[in-house]
PDB file of N, CA and C in Angstrom:
ATOM      1  N   UNK A   1      31.024   9.558  -4.248  1.00  0.00           N
ATOM      2  CA  UNK A   1      29.795  10.638  -3.739  1.00  0.00           C
ATOM      3  C   UNK A   1      28.632  10.633  -4.687  1.00  0.00           C
ATOM      4  N   UNK A   2      29.081   9.924  -5.954  1.00  0.00           N
ATOM      5  CA  UNK A   2      27.997   9.507  -6.729  1.00  0.00           C
ATOM      6  C   UNK A   2      27.219   8.533  -6.628  1.00  0.00           C
ATOM      7  N   UNK A   3      28.029   7.052  -5.884  1.00  0.00           N
ATOM      8  CA  UNK A   3      27.084   6.129  -5.448  1.00  0.00           C
ATOM      9  C   UNK A   3      25.493   6.540  -4.378  1.00  0.00           C
ATOM     10  N   UNK A   4      26.375   7.289  -2.881  1.00  0.00           N
ATOM     11  CA  UNK A   4      25.767   7.592  -1.830  1.00  0.00           C
ATOM     12  C   UNK A   4      24.511   8.583  -3.211  1.00  0.00           C
ATOM     13  N   UNK A   5      24.598   9.710  -3.514  1.00  0.00           N
ATOM     14  CA  UNK A   5      23.509  10.317  -4.531  1.00  0.00           C
ATOM     15  C   UNK A   5      22.542   9.483  -5.000  1.00  0.00           C
ATOM     16  N   UNK A   6      22.924   8.671  -5.805  1.00  0.00           N
ATOM     17  CA  UNK A   6      22.188   8.183  -6.491  1.00  0.00           C
ATOM     18  C   UNK A   6      21.235   6.709  -5.318  1.00  0.00           C
ATOM     19  N   UNK A   7      21.556   6.581  -3.989  1.00  0.00           N
ATOM     20  CA  UNK A   7      20.927   5.201  -3.065  1.00  0.00           C
ATOM     21  C   UNK A   7      19.844   6.263  -2.294  1.00  0.00           C
ATOM     22  N   UNK A   8      20.467   7.562  -2.097  1.00  0.00           N
ATOM     23  CA  UNK A   8      19.875   8.365  -1.392  1.00  0.00           C
ATOM     24  C   UNK A   8      18.383   8.850  -2.358  1.00  0.00           C
ATOM     25  N   UNK A   9      18.843   8.814  -3.531  1.00  0.00           N
ATOM     26  CA  UNK A   9      17.276   9.222  -4.468  1.00  0.00           C
ATOM     27  C   UNK A   9      16.724   8.024  -4.303  1.00  0.00           C
ATOM     28  N   UNK A  10      17.265   6.541  -4.579  1.00  0.00           N
ATOM     29  CA  UNK A  10      16.212   5.325  -4.485  1.00  0.00           C
ATOM     30  C   UNK A  10      15.746   5.471  -3.334  1.00  0.00           C
ATOM     31  N   UNK A  11      16.390   5.780  -2.530  1.00  0.00           N
ATOM     32  CA  UNK A  11      15.720   5.647  -1.025  1.00  0.00           C
ATOM     33  C   UNK A  11      14.399   6.606  -0.869  1.00  0.00           C
ATOM     34  N   UNK A  12      14.517   7.589  -0.923  1.00  0.00           N
ATOM     35  CA  UNK A  12      13.826   8.947  -1.347  1.00  0.00           C
ATOM     36  C   UNK A  12      12.345   8.596  -2.009  1.00  0.00           C
ATOM     37  N   UNK A  13      12.697   7.553  -3.254  1.00  0.00           N
ATOM     38  CA  UNK A  13      11.510   7.060  -4.210  1.00  0.00           C
ATOM     39  C   UNK A  13      10.545   5.867  -3.836  1.00  0.00           C
ATOM     40  N   UNK A  14      11.420   5.183  -3.013  1.00  0.00           N
ATOM     41  CA  UNK A  14      10.823   4.126  -2.489  1.00  0.00           C
ATOM     42  C   UNK A  14      10.131   4.054  -1.176  1.00  0.00           C
ATOM     43  N   UNK A  15      10.653   5.352  -0.135  1.00  0.00           N
ATOM     44  CA  UNK A  15       9.573   6.435   1.035  1.00  0.00           C
ATOM     45  C   UNK A  15       8.310   6.788   0.336  1.00  0.00           C
ATOM     46  N   UNK A  16       8.955   7.626  -0.804  1.00  0.00           N
ATOM     47  CA  UNK A  16       7.906   8.540  -1.584  1.00  0.00           C
ATOM     48  C   UNK A  16       7.131   7.177  -1.798  1.00  0.00           C
ATOM     49  N   UNK A  17       6.993   5.798  -2.465  1.00  0.00           N
ATOM     50  CA  UNK A  17       5.908   5.136  -2.656  1.00  0.00           C
ATOM     51  C   UNK A  17       5.479   4.624  -1.180  1.00  0.00           C
ATOM     52  N   UNK A  18       6.059   4.601  -0.459  1.00  0.00           N
ATOM     53  CA  UNK A  18       5.535   3.563   0.701  1.00  0.00           C
ATOM     54  C   UNK A  18       4.488   4.573   1.705  1.00  0.00           C
ATOM     55  N   UNK A  19       4.651   6.074   1.349  1.00  0.00           N
ATOM     56  CA  UNK A  19       3.611   6.760   1.955  1.00  0.00           C
ATOM     57  C   UNK A  19       2.154   7.296   1.302  1.00  0.00           C
ATOM     58  N   UNK A  20       2.258   6.866  -0.034  1.00  0.00           N
ATOM     59  CA  UNK A  20       1.278   7.670  -0.854  1.00  0.00           C
ATOM     60  C   UNK A  20       0.951   6.119  -1.344  1.00  0.00           C
ATOM     61  N   UNK A  21       0.959   5.326  -1.112  1.00  0.00           N
ATOM     62  CA  UNK A  21       0.584   3.506  -1.614  1.00  0.00           C
ATOM     63  C   UNK A  21       0.253   2.748  -0.630  1.00  0.00           C
ATOM     64  N   UNK A  22      -1.018   1.896  -0.615  1.00  0.00           N
ATOM     65  CA  UNK A  22      -1.217   0.693   0.206  1.00  0.00           C
ATOM     66  C   UNK A  22      -1.209  -0.324  -0.783  1.00  0.00           C
ATOM     67  N   UNK A  23       0.103  -1.248  -0.755  1.00  0.00           N
ATOM     68  CA  UNK A  23       0.277  -2.619  -1.486  1.00  0.00           C
ATOM     69  C   UNK A  23      -0.603  -3.522  -0.930  1.00  0.00           C
ATOM     70  N   UNK A  24      -1.696  -4.132  -1.431  1.00  0.00           N
ATOM     71  CA  UNK A  24      -2.300  -5.100  -0.880  1.00  0.00           C
ATOM     72  C   UNK A  24      -2.032  -6.447  -1.640  1.00  0.00           C
ATOM     73  N   UNK A  25      -1.120  -7.361  -0.951  1.00  0.00           N
ATOM     74  CA  UNK A  25      -1.284  -8.652  -1.002  1.00  0.00           C
ATOM     75  C   UNK A  25      -2.588  -9.798  -1.390  1.00  0.00           C
ATOM     76  N   UNK A  26      -2.790 -10.046  -2.502  1.00  0.00           N
ATOM     77  CA  UNK A  26      -4.047 -10.717  -2.862  1.00  0.00           C
ATOM     78  C   UNK A  26      -3.801 -12.196  -3.130  1.00  0.00           C
ATOM     79  N   UNK A  27      -4.842 -12.906  -3.072  1.00  0.00           N
ATOM     80  CA  UNK A  27      -4.594 -14.357  -3.771  1.00  0.00           C
ATOM     81  C   UNK A  27      -4.149 -14.507  -4.860  1.00  0.00           C
ATOM     82  N   UNK A  28      -4.147 -13.950  -6.233  1.00  0.00           N
ATOM     83  CA  UNK A  28      -3.512 -14.097  -7.647  1.00  0.00           C
ATOM     84  C   UNK A  28      -2.672 -12.745  -7.482  1.00  0.00           C
ATOM     85  N   UNK A  29      -2.332 -12.163  -6.658  1.00  0.00           N
ATOM     86  CA  UNK A  29      -1.056 -10.721  -6.852  1.00  0.00           C
ATOM     87  C   UNK A  29      -1.010  -9.707  -5.730  1.00  0.00           C
ATOM     88  N   UNK A  30      -0.485  -8.816  -6.434  1.00  0.00           N
ATOM     89  CA  UNK A  30      -0.604  -7.799  -5.587  1.00  0.00           C
ATOM     90  C   UNK A  30      -1.258  -6.181  -6.178  1.00  0.00           C
ATOM     91  N   UNK A  31      -2.043  -6.001  -5.387  1.00  0.00           N
ATOM     92  CA  UNK A  31      -2.797  -4.857  -5.821  1.00  0.00           C
ATOM     93  C   UNK A  31      -2.572  -3.719  -5.070  1.00  0.00           C
ATOM     94  N   UNK A  32      -2.443  -2.518  -6.100  1.00  0.00           N
ATOM     95  CA  UNK A  32      -1.819  -0.775  -5.170  1.00  0.00           C
ATOM     96  C   UNK A  32      -3.191  -0.219  -5.458  1.00  0.00           C
ATOM     97  N   UNK A  33      -3.066   0.343  -4.295  1.00  0.00           N
ATOM     98  CA  UNK A  33      -4.312   1.422  -3.903  1.00  0.00           C
ATOM     99  C   UNK A  33      -3.579   2.648  -3.328  1.00  0.00           C
ATOM    100  N   UNK A  34      -4.027   3.892  -4.088  1.00  0.00           N
ATOM    101  CA  UNK A  34      -3.665   4.848  -3.509  1.00  0.00           C
ATOM    102  C   UNK A  34      -4.074   5.495  -2.231  1.00  0.00           C
ATOM    103  N   UNK A  35      -3.245   5.907  -1.611  1.00  0.00           N
ATOM    104  CA  UNK A  35      -3.670   6.169   0.113  1.00  0.00           C
ATOM    105  C   UNK A  35      -4.538   7.801   0.171  1.00  0.00           C
ATOM    106  N   UNK A  36      -5.081   8.180   1.240  1.00  0.00           N
ATOM    107  CA  UNK A  36      -6.155   8.996   1.523  1.00  0.00           C
ATOM    108  C   UNK A  36      -5.268  10.139   2.302  1.00  0.00           C
ATOM    109  N   UNK A  37      -4.260   9.771   3.206  1.00  0.00           N
ATOM    110  CA  UNK A  37      -3.189  10.257   3.777  1.00  0.00           C
ATOM    111  C   UNK A  37      -1.820  10.325   3.749  1.00  0.00           C
ATOM    112  N   UNK A  38      -1.026  10.863   3.670  1.00  0.00           N
ATOM    113  CA  UNK A  38       0.496  10.525   3.777  1.00  0.00           C
ATOM    114  C   UNK A  38       1.005   9.821   5.053  1.00  0.00           C
ATOM    115  N   UNK A  39       1.000   8.576   5.199  1.00  0.00           N
ATOM    116  CA  UNK A  39       1.560   8.343   6.186  1.00  0.00           C
ATOM    117  C   UNK A  39       1.909   6.266   6.036  1.00  0.00           C
ATOM    118  N   UNK A  40       2.833   6.101   6.664  1.00  0.00           N
ATOM    119  CA  UNK A  40       3.276   4.860   6.582  1.00  0.00           C
ATOM    120  C   UNK A  40       2.711   3.694   7.401  1.00  0.00           C
ATOM    121  N   UNK A  41       1.812   4.024   8.032  1.00  0.00           N
ATOM    122  CA  UNK A  41       0.620   2.629   8.350  1.00  0.00           C
ATOM    123  C   UNK A  41      -0.200   2.079   7.372  1.00  0.00           C
ATOM    124  N   UNK A  42      -0.190   0.856   7.400  1.00  0.00           N
ATOM    125  CA  UNK A  42      -0.936  -0.137   6.660  1.00  0.00           C
ATOM    126  C   UNK A  42      -0.744  -0.090   4.949  1.00  0.00           C
ATOM    127  N   UNK A  43       1.016   0.141   5.228  1.00  0.00           N
ATOM    128  CA  UNK A  43       1.429   0.387   3.670  1.00  0.00           C
ATOM    129  C   UNK A  43       1.352  -1.361   3.091  1.00  0.00           C
ATOM    130  N   UNK A  44       1.929  -2.404   3.943  1.00  0.00           N
ATOM    131  CA  UNK A  44       1.925  -3.666   3.223  1.00  0.00           C
ATOM    132  C   UNK A  44       0.671  -4.474   3.760  1.00  0.00           C
ATOM    133  N   UNK A  45      -0.093  -4.639   3.194  1.00  0.00           N
ATOM    134  CA  UNK A  45      -1.428  -5.427   3.873  1.00  0.00           C
ATOM    135  C   UNK A  45      -1.181  -6.950   3.508  1.00  0.00           C
ATOM    136  N   UNK A  46      -1.815  -8.169   4.044  1.00  0.00           N
ATOM    137  CA  UNK A  46      -2.197  -9.434   3.805  1.00  0.00           C
ATOM    138  C   UNK A  46      -3.462  -9.585   3.495  1.00  0.00           C
ATOM    139  N   UNK A  47      -3.958  -9.996   2.192  1.00  0.00           N
ATOM    140  CA  UNK A  47      -5.099  -9.875   2.281  1.00  0.00           C
ATOM    141  C   UNK A  47      -5.832 -11.465   1.300  1.00  0.00           C
ATOM    142  N   UNK A  48      -4.987 -12.566   1.821  1.00  0.00           N
ATOM    143  CA  UNK A  48      -4.787 -13.210   1.144  1.00  0.00           C
ATOM    144  C   UNK A  48      -6.159 -14.553   2.061  1.00  0.00           C
ATOM    145  N   UNK A  49      -6.652 -15.406   1.328  1.00  0.00           N
ATOM    146  CA  UNK A  49      -7.905 -16.185   1.811  1.00  0.00           C
ATOM    147  C   UNK A  49      -8.748 -15.685   2.775  1.00  0.00           C
ATOM    148  N   UNK A  50      -9.119 -15.933   3.920  1.00  0.00           N
ATOM    149  CA  UNK A  50     -10.345 -14.814   4.664  1.00  0.00           C
ATOM    150  C   UNK A  50     -10.147 -13.902   5.092  1.00  0.00           C
ATOM    151  N   UNK A  51      -8.644 -13.577   5.041  1.00  0.00           N
ATOM    152  CA  UNK A  51      -8.028 -12.130   5.938  1.00  0.00           C
ATOM    153  C   UNK A  51      -8.966 -10.521   5.117  1.00  0.00           C
ATOM    154  N   UNK A  52      -9.894 -10.640   3.922  1.00  0.00           N
ATOM    155  CA  UNK A  52     -10.003 -10.043   2.889  1.00  0.00           C
ATOM    156  C   UNK A  52     -11.669  -9.153   3.825  1.00  0.00           C
ATOM    157  N   UNK A  53     -12.258  -9.884   4.921  1.00  0.00           N
ATOM    158  CA  UNK A  53     -12.675  -9.157   5.707  1.00  0.00           C
ATOM    159  C   UNK A  53     -12.502  -8.206   6.425  1.00  0.00           C
ATOM    160  N   UNK A  54     -11.272  -8.068   7.429  1.00  0.00           N
ATOM    161  CA  UNK A  54     -10.147  -7.616   8.091  1.00  0.00           C
ATOM    162  C   UNK A  54     -10.403  -5.856   6.916  1.00  0.00           C
ATOM    163  N   UNK A  55      -9.759  -6.331   5.531  1.00  0.00           N
ATOM    164  CA  UNK A  55      -9.938  -5.111   5.285  1.00  0.00           C
ATOM    165  C   UNK A  55     -11.195  -3.843   5.220  1.00  0.00           C
ATOM    166  N   UNK A  56     -12.533  -4.324   5.174  1.00  0.00           N
ATOM    167  CA  UNK A  56     -13.669  -3.488   5.295  1.00  0.00           C
ATOM    168  C   UNK A  56     -14.035  -3.230   6.718  1.00  0.00           C
ATOM    169  N   UNK A  57     -13.263  -3.451   7.257  1.00  0.00           N
ATOM    170  CA  UNK A  57     -12.874  -3.162   8.591  1.00  0.00           C
ATOM    171  C   UNK A  57     -12.484  -2.140   9.345  1.00  0.00           C
ATOM    172  N   UNK A  58     -11.388  -1.824   8.237  1.00  0.00           N
ATOM    173  CA  UNK A  58     -10.260  -0.925   8.647  1.00  0.00           C
ATOM    174  C   UNK A  58     -10.668   0.550   7.986  1.00  0.00           C
ATOM    175  N   UNK A  59     -10.863   1.590   8.578  1.00  0.00           N
ATOM    176  CA  UNK A  59     -11.166   2.475   8.190  1.00  0.00           C
ATOM    177  C   UNK A  59     -10.025   3.535   7.163  1.00  0.00           C
ATOM    178  N   UNK A  60      -9.044   3.536   7.274  1.00  0.00           N
ATOM    179  CA  UNK A  60      -8.113   4.025   6.731  1.00  0.00           C
ATOM    180  C   UNK A  60      -8.123   3.690   5.459  1.00  0.00           C
ATOM    181  N   UNK A  61      -8.326   1.697   5.189  1.00  0.00           N
ATOM    182  CA  UNK A  61      -8.660   1.165   3.750  1.00  0.00           C
ATOM    183  C   UNK A  61      -9.776   1.718   2.817  1.00  0.00           C
ATOM    184  N   UNK A  62     -10.846   1.810   4.334  1.00  0.00           N
ATOM    185  CA  UNK A  62     -11.963   1.985   3.085  1.00  0.00           C
ATOM    186  C   UNK A  62     -12.386   3.473   2.753  1.00  0.00           C
ATOM    187  N   UNK A  63     -11.684   4.581   3.354  1.00  0.00           N
ATOM    188  CA  UNK A  63     -11.221   5.606   2.694  1.00  0.00           C
ATOM    189  C   UNK A  63     -10.762   5.842   1.435  1.00  0.00           C
ATOM    190  N   UNK A  64      -9.750   4.768   1.368  1.00  0.00           N
ATOM    191  CA  UNK A  64      -8.770   4.636  -0.154  1.00  0.00           C
ATOM    192  C   UNK A  64     -10.006   3.939  -1.050  1.00  0.00           C
ATOM    193  N   UNK A  65     -10.951   3.225  -0.628  1.00  0.00           N
ATOM    194  CA  UNK A  65     -11.516   2.436  -2.140  1.00  0.00           C
ATOM    195  C   UNK A  65     -11.330   1.318  -1.889  1.00  0.00           C
ATOM    196  N   UNK A  66     -11.042   0.438  -0.713  1.00  0.00           N
ATOM    197  CA  UNK A  66     -10.786  -0.980  -0.867  1.00  0.00           C
ATOM    198  C   UNK A  66     -12.420  -1.505  -1.401  1.00  0.00           C
ATOM    199  N   UNK A  67     -13.480  -1.368  -1.208  1.00  0.00           N
ATOM    200  CA  UNK A  67     -14.124  -1.989  -1.657  1.00  0.00           C
ATOM    201  C   UNK A  67     -14.419  -2.085  -3.336  1.00  0.00           C
ATOM    202  N   UNK A  68     -13.966  -0.667  -3.855  1.00  0.00           N
ATOM    203  CA  UNK A  68     -14.370  -1.159  -4.891  1.00  0.00           C
ATOM    204  C   UNK A  68     -13.017  -1.812  -5.411  1.00  0.00           C
ATOM    205  N   UNK A  69     -12.142  -2.116  -5.272  1.00  0.00           N
ATOM    206  CA  UNK A  69     -10.828  -2.717  -5.401  1.00  0.00           C
ATOM    207  C   UNK A  69     -11.159  -4.259  -5.201  1.00  0.00           C
ATOM    208  N   UNK A  70     -11.586  -4.666  -4.280  1.00  0.00           N
ATOM    209  CA  UNK A  70     -11.906  -5.770  -3.755  1.00  0.00           C
ATOM    210  C   UNK A  70     -13.276  -6.386  -4.850  1.00  0.00           C
ATOM    211  N   UNK A  71     -14.121  -5.780  -5.313  1.00  0.00           N
ATOM    212  CA  UNK A  71     -15.598  -6.123  -5.940  1.00  0.00           C
ATOM    213  C   UNK A  71     -15.126  -6.679  -7.273  1.00  0.00           C
ATOM    214  N   UNK A  72     -13.569  -6.036  -8.155  1.00  0.00           N
ATOM    215  CA  UNK A  72     -12.956  -6.511  -8.979  1.00  0.00           C
ATOM    216  C   UNK A  72     -12.760  -7.860  -8.890  1.00  0.00           C
TER     217      UNK A  72
END
């Protein structure tokens, strides 16, 4: 019973993180960006190489502030 409870807590924490943050894979590592809305949409985004331009065209990422993140 204890193992099930621990696994449920871990699953809840992972789901909470997926709902609240964008994880953007960049050329030199992973950047984390806070989401504006609680959705599973665009949780993991690949921005390696020339794919960075597509980030500027996505409204949910622009609202979250991806422009500031990529300028750094």
